[in-house]
């Protein structure tokens, strides 16, 4: 049986310590090329996948293929048998309450008004 743990982005950063770039920002890794080779070379328990599924954006522990967008590598490994999910979906998407600017683009999530 798998245990599901839901974390905020900030709690994930604090607990698992994702690798950062030279400016101190969490460093994403592409799903191809040298970045992907780096991801494959680290402990699999330190690999996380950013996914976008039907407009819902989240980070999940492990190396995933379906709906993958980016990968992250952390200093602290996740525990076996535990599924961790970090919801990155903006509230405007979940509540379907977008605030559109003069270009008809949501000020929070960047989606365009398609006659909703």
PDB file of N, CA and C in Angstrom:
ATOM      1  N   UNK A   1       0.837  -1.175   0.000  1.00  0.00           N
ATOM      2  CA  UNK A   1       0.000   0.000   0.000  1.00  0.00           C
ATOM      3  C   UNK A   1       0.887   1.245   0.000  1.00  0.00           C
ATOM      4  N   UNK A   2       0.594   2.169  -0.888  1.00  0.00           N
ATOM      5  CA  UNK A   2       1.362   3.392  -1.013  1.00  0.00           C
ATOM      6  C   UNK A   2       0.727   4.503  -0.189  1.00  0.00           C
ATOM      7  N   UNK A   3       1.555   5.217   0.549  1.00  0.00           N
ATOM      8  CA  UNK A   3       1.090   6.376   1.311  1.00  0.00           C
ATOM      9  C   UNK A   3       1.247   7.616   0.452  1.00  0.00           C
ATOM     10  N   UNK A   4       0.220   8.468   0.406  1.00  0.00           N
ATOM     11  CA  UNK A   4       0.269   9.716  -0.348  1.00  0.00           C
ATOM     12  C   UNK A   4       0.511  10.865   0.615  1.00  0.00           C
ATOM     13  N   UNK A   5       1.525  11.663   0.305  1.00  0.00           N
ATOM     14  CA  UNK A   5       1.822  12.865   1.072  1.00  0.00           C
ATOM     15  C   UNK A   5       1.694  14.041   0.119  1.00  0.00           C
ATOM     16  N   UNK A   6       0.876  15.013   0.495  1.00  0.00           N
ATOM     17  CA  UNK A   6       0.726  16.227  -0.296  1.00  0.00           C
ATOM     18  C   UNK A   6       1.459  17.352   0.412  1.00  0.00           C
ATOM     19  N   UNK A   7       2.337  18.030  -0.315  1.00  0.00           N
ATOM     20  CA  UNK A   7       3.137  19.113   0.244  1.00  0.00           C
ATOM     21  C   UNK A   7       2.936  20.386  -0.553  1.00  0.00           C
ATOM     22  N   UNK A   8       3.168  21.515   0.088  1.00  0.00           N
ATOM     23  CA  UNK A   8       3.252  22.768  -0.645  1.00  0.00           C
ATOM     24  C   UNK A   8       4.633  22.811  -1.302  1.00  0.00           C
ATOM     25  N   UNK A   9       4.783  23.682  -2.264  1.00  0.00           N
ATOM     26  CA  UNK A   9       6.067  23.830  -2.930  1.00  0.00           C
ATOM     27  C   UNK A   9       7.155  24.207  -1.921  1.00  0.00           C
ATOM     28  N   UNK A  10       6.853  25.175  -1.047  1.00  0.00           N
ATOM     29  CA  UNK A  10       7.838  25.622  -0.058  1.00  0.00           C
ATOM     30  C   UNK A  10       8.236  24.504   0.903  1.00  0.00           C
ATOM     31  N   UNK A  11       7.265  23.701   1.318  1.00  0.00           N
ATOM     32  CA  UNK A  11       7.570  22.577   2.217  1.00  0.00           C
ATOM     33  C   UNK A  11       8.438  21.550   1.504  1.00  0.00           C
ATOM     34  N   UNK A  12       8.178  21.310   0.221  1.00  0.00           N
ATOM     35  CA  UNK A  12       8.994  20.381  -0.570  1.00  0.00           C
ATOM     36  C   UNK A  12      10.436  20.875  -0.656  1.00  0.00           C
ATOM     37  N   UNK A  13      10.601  22.162  -0.941  1.00  0.00           N
ATOM     38  CA  UNK A  13      11.949  22.743  -1.038  1.00  0.00           C
ATOM     39  C   UNK A  13      12.682  22.596   0.289  1.00  0.00           C
ATOM     40  N   UNK A  14      11.996  22.888   1.382  1.00  0.00           N
ATOM     41  CA  UNK A  14      12.620  22.807   2.697  1.00  0.00           C
ATOM     42  C   UNK A  14      12.975  21.373   3.083  1.00  0.00           C
ATOM     43  N   UNK A  15      12.068  20.438   2.796  1.00  0.00           N
ATOM     44  CA  UNK A  15      12.267  19.051   3.223  1.00  0.00           C
ATOM     45  C   UNK A  15      13.232  18.275   2.332  1.00  0.00           C
ATOM     46  N   UNK A  16      13.106  18.418   1.000  1.00  0.00           N
ATOM     47  CA  UNK A  16      13.885  17.571   0.088  1.00  0.00           C
ATOM     48  C   UNK A  16      15.094  18.274  -0.540  1.00  0.00           C
ATOM     49  N   UNK A  17      15.172  19.580  -0.430  1.00  0.00           N
ATOM     50  CA  UNK A  17      16.320  20.362  -0.874  1.00  0.00           C
ATOM     51  C   UNK A  17      16.700  20.128  -2.346  1.00  0.00           C
ATOM     52  N   UNK A  18      15.843  20.604  -3.257  1.00  0.00           N
ATOM     53  CA  UNK A  18      16.187  20.455  -4.674  1.00  0.00           C
ATOM     54  C   UNK A  18      17.472  21.200  -5.035  1.00  0.00           C
ATOM     55  N   UNK A  19      18.186  20.661  -6.004  1.00  0.00           N
ATOM     56  CA  UNK A  19      19.416  21.262  -6.509  1.00  0.00           C
ATOM     57  C   UNK A  19      19.079  22.647  -7.054  1.00  0.00           C
ATOM     58  N   UNK A  20      19.965  23.606  -6.778  1.00  0.00           N
ATOM     59  CA  UNK A  20      19.745  24.981  -7.244  1.00  0.00           C
ATOM     60  C   UNK A  20      20.808  25.384  -8.259  1.00  0.00           C
ATOM     61  N   UNK A  21      20.511  26.450  -8.981  1.00  0.00           N
ATOM     62  CA  UNK A  21      21.473  26.990  -9.939  1.00  0.00           C
ATOM     63  C   UNK A  21      22.381  27.995  -9.224  1.00  0.00           C
ATOM     64  N   UNK A  22      23.253  28.652  -9.976  1.00  0.00           N
ATOM     65  CA  UNK A  22      24.218  29.582  -9.385  1.00  0.00           C
ATOM     66  C   UNK A  22      23.549  30.798  -8.733  1.00  0.00           C
ATOM     67  N   UNK A  23      22.285  31.071  -9.074  1.00  0.00           N
ATOM     68  CA  UNK A  23      21.551  32.184  -8.472  1.00  0.00           C
ATOM     69  C   UNK A  23      20.705  31.758  -7.275  1.00  0.00           C
ATOM     70  N   UNK A  24      20.748  30.464  -6.933  1.00  0.00           N
ATOM     71  CA  UNK A  24      19.983  29.977  -5.801  1.00  0.00           C
ATOM     72  C   UNK A  24      18.561  29.561  -6.120  1.00  0.00           C
ATOM     73  N   UNK A  25      18.204  29.549  -7.411  1.00  0.00           N
ATOM     74  CA  UNK A  25      16.865  29.127  -7.837  1.00  0.00           C
ATOM     75  C   UNK A  25      16.831  27.611  -8.034  1.00  0.00           C
ATOM     76  N   UNK A  26      15.682  26.998  -7.761  1.00  0.00           N
ATOM     77  CA  UNK A  26      15.542  25.560  -8.002  1.00  0.00           C
ATOM     78  C   UNK A  26      15.832  25.305  -9.466  1.00  0.00           C
ATOM     79  N   UNK A  27      16.718  24.347  -9.721  1.00  0.00           N
ATOM     80  CA  UNK A  27      17.168  24.077 -11.096  1.00  0.00           C
ATOM     81  C   UNK A  27      16.358  22.969 -11.734  1.00  0.00           C
ATOM     82  N   UNK A  28      15.627  23.316 -12.815  1.00  0.00           N
ATOM     83  CA  UNK A  28      14.920  22.280 -13.556  1.00  0.00           C
ATOM     84  C   UNK A  28      15.863  21.587 -14.542  1.00  0.00           C
ATOM     85  N   UNK A  29      15.572  20.339 -14.848  1.00  0.00           N
ATOM     86  CA  UNK A  29      16.340  19.575 -15.827  1.00  0.00           C
ATOM     87  C   UNK A  29      15.411  19.200 -16.975  1.00  0.00           C
ATOM     88  N   UNK A  30      15.875  19.409 -18.186  1.00  0.00           N
ATOM     89  CA  UNK A  30      15.091  19.065 -19.366  1.00  0.00           C
ATOM     90  C   UNK A  30      14.916  17.550 -19.466  1.00  0.00           C
ATOM     91  N   UNK A  31      13.984  17.136 -20.320  1.00  0.00           N
ATOM     92  CA  UNK A  31      13.663  15.716 -20.491  1.00  0.00           C
ATOM     93  C   UNK A  31      14.460  15.078 -21.624  1.00  0.00           C
ATOM     94  N   UNK A  32      15.532  15.735 -22.046  1.00  0.00           N
ATOM     95  CA  UNK A  32      16.347  15.233 -23.156  1.00  0.00           C
ATOM     96  C   UNK A  32      17.786  15.722 -22.993  1.00  0.00           C
ATOM     97  N   UNK A  33      18.666  15.181 -23.783  1.00  0.00           N
ATOM     98  CA  UNK A  33      20.048  15.646 -23.853  1.00  0.00           C
ATOM     99  C   UNK A  33      20.849  15.464 -22.576  1.00  0.00           C
ATOM    100  N   UNK A  34      21.794  16.378 -22.364  1.00  0.00           N
ATOM    101  CA  UNK A  34      22.700  16.298 -21.214  1.00  0.00           C
ATOM    102  C   UNK A  34      21.941  16.362 -19.890  1.00  0.00           C
ATOM    103  N   UNK A  35      20.874  17.182 -19.828  1.00  0.00           N
ATOM    104  CA  UNK A  35      20.082  17.253 -18.598  1.00  0.00           C
ATOM    105  C   UNK A  35      19.487  15.891 -18.260  1.00  0.00           C
ATOM    106  N   UNK A  36      18.937  15.228 -19.255  1.00  0.00           N
ATOM    107  CA  UNK A  36      18.333  13.913 -19.015  1.00  0.00           C
ATOM    108  C   UNK A  36      19.389  12.886 -18.601  1.00  0.00           C
ATOM    109  N   UNK A  37      20.567  12.968 -19.196  1.00  0.00           N
ATOM    110  CA  UNK A  37      21.662  12.078 -18.795  1.00  0.00           C
ATOM    111  C   UNK A  37      22.027  12.297 -17.332  1.00  0.00           C
ATOM    112  N   UNK A  38      22.024  13.560 -16.902  1.00  0.00           N
ATOM    113  CA  UNK A  38      22.295  13.868 -15.497  1.00  0.00           C
ATOM    114  C   UNK A  38      21.232  13.245 -14.602  1.00  0.00           C
ATOM    115  N   UNK A  39      19.981  13.404 -14.971  1.00  0.00           N
ATOM    116  CA  UNK A  39      18.869  12.848 -14.194  1.00  0.00           C
ATOM    117  C   UNK A  39      19.013  11.328 -14.067  1.00  0.00           C
ATOM    118  N   UNK A  40      19.391  10.668 -15.153  1.00  0.00           N
ATOM    119  CA  UNK A  40      19.542   9.216 -15.139  1.00  0.00           C
ATOM    120  C   UNK A  40      20.741   8.759 -14.303  1.00  0.00           C
ATOM    121  N   UNK A  41      21.685   9.652 -14.052  1.00  0.00           N
ATOM    122  CA  UNK A  41      22.911   9.261 -13.358  1.00  0.00           C
ATOM    123  C   UNK A  41      22.825   9.383 -11.831  1.00  0.00           C
ATOM    124  N   UNK A  42      21.766   9.994 -11.321  1.00  0.00           N
ATOM    125  CA  UNK A  42      21.652  10.190  -9.874  1.00  0.00           C
ATOM    126  C   UNK A  42      20.795   9.092  -9.243  1.00  0.00           C
ATOM    127  N   UNK A  43      20.795   9.055  -7.934  1.00  0.00           N
ATOM    128  CA  UNK A  43      19.967   8.117  -7.180  1.00  0.00           C
ATOM    129  C   UNK A  43      18.502   8.309  -7.599  1.00  0.00           C
ATOM    130  N   UNK A  44      17.825   7.259  -8.073  1.00  0.00           N
ATOM    131  CA  UNK A  44      16.426   7.395  -8.508  1.00  0.00           C
ATOM    132  C   UNK A  44      15.501   7.939  -7.422  1.00  0.00           C
ATOM    133  N   UNK A  45      15.867   7.777  -6.154  1.00  0.00           N
ATOM    134  CA  UNK A  45      15.048   8.296  -5.057  1.00  0.00           C
ATOM    135  C   UNK A  45      15.217   9.806  -4.873  1.00  0.00           C
ATOM    136  N   UNK A  46      16.065  10.417  -5.704  1.00  0.00           N
ATOM    137  CA  UNK A  46      16.267  11.866  -5.659  1.00  0.00           C
ATOM    138  C   UNK A  46      15.740  12.542  -6.925  1.00  0.00           C
ATOM    139  N   UNK A  47      14.995  11.803  -7.747  1.00  0.00           N
ATOM    140  CA  UNK A  47      14.467  12.333  -9.005  1.00  0.00           C
ATOM    141  C   UNK A  47      12.971  12.618  -8.846  1.00  0.00           C
ATOM    142  N   UNK A  48      12.569  13.777  -9.338  1.00  0.00           N
ATOM    143  CA  UNK A  48      11.185  14.236  -9.280  1.00  0.00           C
ATOM    144  C   UNK A  48      10.765  14.703 -10.666  1.00  0.00           C
ATOM    145  N   UNK A  49       9.479  14.582 -10.985  1.00  0.00           N
ATOM    146  CA  UNK A  49       8.978  14.959 -12.305  1.00  0.00           C
ATOM    147  C   UNK A  49       7.913  16.032 -12.166  1.00  0.00           C
ATOM    148  N   UNK A  50       8.063  17.101 -12.945  1.00  0.00           N
ATOM    149  CA  UNK A  50       7.012  18.120 -13.028  1.00  0.00           C
ATOM    150  C   UNK A  50       6.109  17.731 -14.182  1.00  0.00           C
ATOM    151  N   UNK A  51       4.826  17.622 -13.895  1.00  0.00           N
ATOM    152  CA  UNK A  51       3.850  17.175 -14.883  1.00  0.00           C
ATOM    153  C   UNK A  51       2.779  18.229 -15.111  1.00  0.00           C
ATOM    154  N   UNK A  52       2.203  18.204 -16.284  1.00  0.00           N
ATOM    155  CA  UNK A  52       1.066  19.059 -16.614  1.00  0.00           C
ATOM    156  C   UNK A  52       0.026  18.146 -17.229  1.00  0.00           C
ATOM    157  N   UNK A  53      -1.068  17.939 -16.510  1.00  0.00           N
ATOM    158  CA  UNK A  53      -2.114  17.038 -16.959  1.00  0.00           C
ATOM    159  C   UNK A  53      -3.440  17.779 -17.013  1.00  0.00           C
ATOM    160  N   UNK A  54      -3.915  18.033 -18.210  1.00  0.00           N
ATOM    161  CA  UNK A  54      -5.193  18.729 -18.414  1.00  0.00           C
ATOM    162  C   UNK A  54      -5.247  20.048 -17.663  1.00  0.00           C
ATOM    163  N   UNK A  55      -4.136  20.782 -17.665  1.00  0.00           N
ATOM    164  CA  UNK A  55      -4.100  22.095 -17.037  1.00  0.00           C
ATOM    165  C   UNK A  55      -3.727  22.088 -15.577  1.00  0.00           C
ATOM    166  N   UNK A  56      -3.551  20.910 -14.983  1.00  0.00           N
ATOM    167  CA  UNK A  56      -3.149  20.832 -13.588  1.00  0.00           C
ATOM    168  C   UNK A  56      -1.660  20.548 -13.526  1.00  0.00           C
ATOM    169  N   UNK A  57      -0.946  21.415 -12.864  1.00  0.00           N
ATOM    170  CA  UNK A  57       0.507  21.380 -12.819  1.00  0.00           C
ATOM    171  C   UNK A  57       0.943  20.862 -11.449  1.00  0.00           C
ATOM    172  N   UNK A  58       1.819  19.847 -11.424  1.00  0.00           N
ATOM    173  CA  UNK A  58       2.255  19.280 -10.154  1.00  0.00           C
ATOM    174  C   UNK A  58       3.629  18.648 -10.287  1.00  0.00           C
ATOM    175  N   UNK A  59       4.279  18.438  -9.136  1.00  0.00           N
ATOM    176  CA  UNK A  59       5.542  17.717  -9.066  1.00  0.00           C
ATOM    177  C   UNK A  59       5.267  16.423  -8.325  1.00  0.00           C
ATOM    178  N   UNK A  60       5.811  15.325  -8.837  1.00  0.00           N
ATOM    179  CA  UNK A  60       5.621  14.015  -8.219  1.00  0.00           C
ATOM    180  C   UNK A  60       6.971  13.320  -8.107  1.00  0.00           C
ATOM    181  N   UNK A  61       7.150  12.563  -7.036  1.00  0.00           N
ATOM    182  CA  UNK A  61       8.426  11.875  -6.870  1.00  0.00           C
ATOM    183  C   UNK A  61       8.571  10.755  -7.896  1.00  0.00           C
ATOM    184  N   UNK A  62       9.799  10.560  -8.340  1.00  0.00           N
ATOM    185  CA  UNK A  62      10.099   9.523  -9.316  1.00  0.00           C
ATOM    186  C   UNK A  62      10.249  10.070 -10.724  1.00  0.00           C
ATOM    187  N   UNK A  63      10.740   9.222 -11.591  1.00  0.00           N
ATOM    188  CA  UNK A  63      10.928   9.556 -13.003  1.00  0.00           C
ATOM    189  C   UNK A  63       9.692   9.085 -13.762  1.00  0.00           C
ATOM    190  N   UNK A  64       8.926  10.028 -14.280  1.00  0.00           N
ATOM    191  CA  UNK A  64       7.700   9.710 -15.006  1.00  0.00           C
ATOM    192  C   UNK A  64       7.848  10.087 -16.475  1.00  0.00           C
ATOM    193  N   UNK A  65       7.119   9.412 -17.317  1.00  0.00           N
ATOM    194  CA  UNK A  65       7.121   9.684 -18.747  1.00  0.00           C
ATOM    195  C   UNK A  65       5.852  10.401 -19.180  1.00  0.00           C
ATOM    196  N   UNK A  66       4.720   9.972 -18.666  1.00  0.00           N
ATOM    197  CA  UNK A  66       3.427  10.520 -19.085  1.00  0.00           C
ATOM    198  C   UNK A  66       3.245  11.911 -18.496  1.00  0.00           C
ATOM    199  N   UNK A  67       2.845  12.852 -19.331  1.00  0.00           N
ATOM    200  CA  UNK A  67       2.571  14.236 -18.938  1.00  0.00           C
ATOM    201  C   UNK A  67       3.782  14.960 -18.360  1.00  0.00           C
ATOM    202  N   UNK A  68       4.984  14.428 -18.562  1.00  0.00           N
ATOM    203  CA  UNK A  68       6.186  15.060 -17.997  1.00  0.00           C
ATOM    204  C   UNK A  68       6.461  16.392 -18.683  1.00  0.00           C
ATOM    205  N   UNK A  69       7.006  17.304 -17.903  1.00  0.00           N
ATOM    206  CA  UNK A  69       7.342  18.629 -18.403  1.00  0.00           C
ATOM    207  C   UNK A  69       8.821  18.916 -18.129  1.00  0.00           C
ATOM    208  N   UNK A  70       9.250  18.645 -16.905  1.00  0.00           N
ATOM    209  CA  UNK A  70      10.634  18.843 -16.472  1.00  0.00           C
ATOM    210  C   UNK A  70      10.963  17.833 -15.385  1.00  0.00           C
ATOM    211  N   UNK A  71      12.249  17.735 -15.063  1.00  0.00           N
ATOM    212  CA  UNK A  71      12.678  16.927 -13.924  1.00  0.00           C
ATOM    213  C   UNK A  71      13.394  17.818 -12.912  1.00  0.00           C
ATOM    214  N   UNK A  72      13.413  17.362 -11.674  1.00  0.00           N
ATOM    215  CA  UNK A  72      14.188  17.999 -10.616  1.00  0.00           C
ATOM    216  C   UNK A  72      14.992  16.922  -9.914  1.00  0.00           C
ATOM    217  N   UNK A  73      16.107  17.325  -9.324  1.00  0.00           N
ATOM    218  CA  UNK A  73      16.946  16.424  -8.542  1.00  0.00           C
ATOM    219  C   UNK A  73      17.057  17.036  -7.143  1.00  0.00           C
ATOM    220  N   UNK A  74      16.892  16.200  -6.127  1.00  0.00           N
ATOM    221  CA  UNK A  74      16.970  16.698  -4.752  1.00  0.00           C
ATOM    222  C   UNK A  74      18.169  16.090  -4.026  1.00  0.00           C
ATOM    223  N   UNK A  75      18.604  16.783  -2.990  1.00  0.00           N
ATOM    224  CA  UNK A  75      19.688  16.278  -2.146  1.00  0.00           C
ATOM    225  C   UNK A  75      19.179  15.187  -1.209  1.00  0.00           C
ATOM    226  N   UNK A  76      17.934  15.317  -0.780  1.00  0.00           N
ATOM    227  CA  UNK A  76      17.340  14.363   0.160  1.00  0.00           C
ATOM    228  C   UNK A  76      16.435  13.401  -0.623  1.00  0.00           C
ATOM    229  N   UNK A  77      16.674  12.098  -0.512  1.00  0.00           N
ATOM    230  CA  UNK A  77      15.830  11.128  -1.245  1.00  0.00           C
ATOM    231  C   UNK A  77      14.456  10.979  -0.596  1.00  0.00           C
ATOM    232  N   UNK A  78      13.487  10.608  -1.426  1.00  0.00           N
ATOM    233  CA  UNK A  78      12.167  10.302  -0.883  1.00  0.00           C
ATOM    234  C   UNK A  78      12.160   8.858  -0.395  1.00  0.00           C
ATOM    235  N   UNK A  79      11.257   8.573   0.519  1.00  0.00           N
ATOM    236  CA  UNK A  79      11.165   7.255   1.145  1.00  0.00           C
ATOM    237  C   UNK A  79      10.449   6.274   0.204  1.00  0.00           C
ATOM    238  N   UNK A  80      10.936   5.044   0.127  1.00  0.00           N
ATOM    239  CA  UNK A  80      10.292   4.006  -0.687  1.00  0.00           C
ATOM    240  C   UNK A  80       8.878   3.751  -0.163  1.00  0.00           C
ATOM    241  N   UNK A  81       7.951   3.544  -1.067  1.00  0.00           N
ATOM    242  CA  UNK A  81       6.578   3.241  -0.690  1.00  0.00           C
ATOM    243  C   UNK A  81       5.746   4.472  -0.373  1.00  0.00           C
ATOM    244  N   UNK A  82       6.327   5.653  -0.558  1.00  0.00           N
ATOM    245  CA  UNK A  82       5.615   6.894  -0.295  1.00  0.00           C
ATOM    246  C   UNK A  82       5.484   7.663  -1.604  1.00  0.00           C
ATOM    247  N   UNK A  83       4.294   8.122  -1.898  1.00  0.00           N
ATOM    248  CA  UNK A  83       4.049   8.957  -3.072  1.00  0.00           C
ATOM    249  C   UNK A  83       3.888  10.390  -2.587  1.00  0.00           C
ATOM    250  N   UNK A  84       4.714  11.281  -3.121  1.00  0.00           N
ATOM    251  CA  UNK A  84       4.678  12.682  -2.716  1.00  0.00           C
ATOM    252  C   UNK A  84       4.186  13.500  -3.905  1.00  0.00           C
ATOM    253  N   UNK A  85       3.256  14.410  -3.644  1.00  0.00           N
ATOM    254  CA  UNK A  85       2.729  15.265  -4.700  1.00  0.00           C
ATOM    255  C   UNK A  85       2.719  16.710  -4.233  1.00  0.00           C
ATOM    256  N   UNK A  86       3.203  17.583  -5.107  1.00  0.00           N
ATOM    257  CA  UNK A  86       3.240  19.014  -4.850  1.00  0.00           C
ATOM    258  C   UNK A  86       2.374  19.670  -5.908  1.00  0.00           C
ATOM    259  N   UNK A  87       1.231  20.203  -5.512  1.00  0.00           N
ATOM    260  CA  UNK A  87       0.288  20.823  -6.441  1.00  0.00           C
ATOM    261  C   UNK A  87       0.754  22.232  -6.771  1.00  0.00           C
ATOM    262  N   UNK A  88       0.989  22.492  -8.054  1.00  0.00           N
ATOM    263  CA  UNK A  88       1.430  23.808  -8.509  1.00  0.00           C
ATOM    264  C   UNK A  88       0.339  24.537  -9.282  1.00  0.00           C
ATOM    265  N   UNK A  89      -0.854  23.971  -9.314  1.00  0.00           N
ATOM    266  CA  UNK A  89      -1.948  24.550 -10.077  1.00  0.00           C
ATOM    267  C   UNK A  89      -2.401  25.855  -9.422  1.00  0.00           C
ATOM    268  N   UNK A  90      -2.423  26.951 -10.167  1.00  0.00           N
ATOM    269  CA  UNK A  90      -2.887  28.215  -9.591  1.00  0.00           C
ATOM    270  C   UNK A  90      -4.347  28.129  -9.162  1.00  0.00           C
ATOM    271  N   UNK A  91      -4.683  28.872  -8.124  1.00  0.00           N
ATOM    272  CA  UNK A  91      -6.054  28.862  -7.598  1.00  0.00           C
ATOM    273  C   UNK A  91      -7.068  29.264  -8.660  1.00  0.00           C
ATOM    274  N   UNK A  92      -6.696  30.161  -9.574  1.00  0.00           N
ATOM    275  CA  UNK A  92      -7.645  30.601 -10.600  1.00  0.00           C
ATOM    276  C   UNK A  92      -8.071  29.443 -11.495  1.00  0.00           C
ATOM    277  N   UNK A  93      -7.200  28.478 -11.707  1.00  0.00           N
ATOM    278  CA  UNK A  93      -7.541  27.317 -12.526  1.00  0.00           C
ATOM    279  C   UNK A  93      -8.473  26.395 -11.743  1.00  0.00           C
ATOM    280  N   UNK A  94      -8.131  26.131 -10.490  1.00  0.00           N
ATOM    281  CA  UNK A  94      -8.959  25.239  -9.687  1.00  0.00           C
ATOM    282  C   UNK A  94     -10.347  25.801  -9.455  1.00  0.00           C
ATOM    283  N   UNK A  95     -10.427  27.117  -9.252  1.00  0.00           N
ATOM    284  CA  UNK A  95     -11.720  27.753  -8.975  1.00  0.00           C
ATOM    285  C   UNK A  95     -12.423  28.226 -10.243  1.00  0.00           C
ATOM    286  N   UNK A  96     -11.723  28.158 -11.371  1.00  0.00           N
ATOM    287  CA  UNK A  96     -12.226  28.653 -12.652  1.00  0.00           C
ATOM    288  C   UNK A  96     -12.654  30.115 -12.529  1.00  0.00           C
ATOM    289  N   UNK A  97     -11.788  30.889 -11.881  1.00  0.00           N
ATOM    290  CA  UNK A  97     -12.028  32.313 -11.679  1.00  0.00           C
ATOM    291  C   UNK A  97     -10.810  33.096 -12.136  1.00  0.00           C
ATOM    292  N   UNK A  98     -10.718  33.296 -13.447  1.00  0.00           N
ATOM    293  CA  UNK A  98      -9.571  33.996 -14.030  1.00  0.00           C
ATOM    294  C   UNK A  98      -9.820  35.500 -14.046  1.00  0.00           C
ATOM    295  N   UNK A  99      -8.750  36.261 -13.862  1.00  0.00           N
ATOM    296  CA  UNK A  99      -8.814  37.711 -13.980  1.00  0.00           C
ATOM    297  C   UNK A  99      -8.022  38.082 -15.230  1.00  0.00           C
ATOM    298  N   UNK A 100      -8.747  38.444 -16.288  1.00  0.00           N
ATOM    299  CA  UNK A 100      -8.115  38.697 -17.581  1.00  0.00           C
ATOM    300  C   UNK A 100      -7.693  40.149 -17.730  1.00  0.00           C
ATOM    301  N   UNK A 101      -6.543  40.353 -18.356  1.00  0.00           N
ATOM    302  CA  UNK A 101      -6.064  41.704 -18.628  1.00  0.00           C
ATOM    303  C   UNK A 101      -6.554  42.162 -19.993  1.00  0.00           C
ATOM    304  N   UNK A 102      -6.020  43.293 -20.467  1.00  0.00           N
ATOM    305  CA  UNK A 102      -6.469  43.867 -21.745  1.00  0.00           C
ATOM    306  C   UNK A 102      -6.151  42.982 -22.951  1.00  0.00           C
ATOM    307  N   UNK A 103      -5.221  42.046 -22.796  1.00  0.00           N
ATOM    308  CA  UNK A 103      -4.896  41.110 -23.891  1.00  0.00           C
ATOM    309  C   UNK A 103      -5.702  39.829 -23.797  1.00  0.00           C
ATOM    310  N   UNK A 104      -6.632  39.775 -22.824  1.00  0.00           N
ATOM    311  CA  UNK A 104      -7.464  38.593 -22.579  1.00  0.00           C
ATOM    312  C   UNK A 104      -6.632  37.418 -22.052  1.00  0.00           C
ATOM    313  N   UNK A 105      -5.575  37.748 -21.293  1.00  0.00           N
ATOM    314  CA  UNK A 105      -4.703  36.744 -20.680  1.00  0.00           C
ATOM    315  C   UNK A 105      -4.875  36.825 -19.168  1.00  0.00           C
ATOM    316  N   UNK A 106      -5.013  35.677 -18.517  1.00  0.00           N
ATOM    317  CA  UNK A 106      -5.172  35.652 -17.058  1.00  0.00           C
ATOM    318  C   UNK A 106      -3.892  36.182 -16.410  1.00  0.00           C
ATOM    319  N   UNK A 107      -4.053  37.100 -15.466  1.00  0.00           N
ATOM    320  CA  UNK A 107      -2.914  37.718 -14.805  1.00  0.00           C
ATOM    321  C   UNK A 107      -2.168  36.750 -13.898  1.00  0.00           C
ATOM    322  N   UNK A 108      -2.822  35.665 -13.483  1.00  0.00           N
ATOM    323  CA  UNK A 108      -2.191  34.703 -12.582  1.00  0.00           C
ATOM    324  C   UNK A 108      -1.552  33.541 -13.315  1.00  0.00           C
ATOM    325  N   UNK A 109      -2.315  32.878 -14.178  1.00  0.00           N
ATOM    326  CA  UNK A 109      -1.812  31.644 -14.800  1.00  0.00           C
ATOM    327  C   UNK A 109      -1.371  31.818 -16.245  1.00  0.00           C
ATOM    328  N   UNK A 110      -1.700  32.949 -16.865  1.00  0.00           N
ATOM    329  CA  UNK A 110      -1.261  33.197 -18.236  1.00  0.00           C
ATOM    330  C   UNK A 110      -2.132  32.592 -19.316  1.00  0.00           C
ATOM    331  N   UNK A 111      -3.233  31.949 -18.943  1.00  0.00           N
ATOM    332  CA  UNK A 111      -4.125  31.377 -19.955  1.00  0.00           C
ATOM    333  C   UNK A 111      -4.941  32.470 -20.623  1.00  0.00           C
ATOM    334  N   UNK A 112      -5.288  32.218 -21.873  1.00  0.00           N
ATOM    335  CA  UNK A 112      -6.081  33.180 -22.620  1.00  0.00           C
ATOM    336  C   UNK A 112      -7.560  32.854 -22.498  1.00  0.00           C
ATOM    337  N   UNK A 113      -8.369  33.918 -22.510  1.00  0.00           N
ATOM    338  CA  UNK A 113      -9.813  33.772 -22.460  1.00  0.00           C
ATOM    339  C   UNK A 113     -10.283  33.184 -23.784  1.00  0.00           C
ATOM    340  N   UNK A 114     -10.837  32.010 -23.722  1.00  0.00           N
ATOM    341  CA  UNK A 114     -11.316  31.340 -24.933  1.00  0.00           C
ATOM    342  C   UNK A 114     -12.841  31.288 -24.931  1.00  0.00           C
ATOM    343  N   UNK A 115     -13.428  32.393 -24.464  1.00  0.00           N
ATOM    344  CA  UNK A 115     -14.891  32.461 -24.450  1.00  0.00           C
ATOM    345  C   UNK A 115     -15.512  31.711 -23.296  1.00  0.00           C
ATOM    346  N   UNK A 116     -14.774  31.600 -22.199  1.00  0.00           N
ATOM    347  CA  UNK A 116     -15.268  30.850 -21.046  1.00  0.00           C
ATOM    348  C   UNK A 116     -16.421  31.546 -20.398  1.00  0.00           C
TER     349      UNK A 116
END
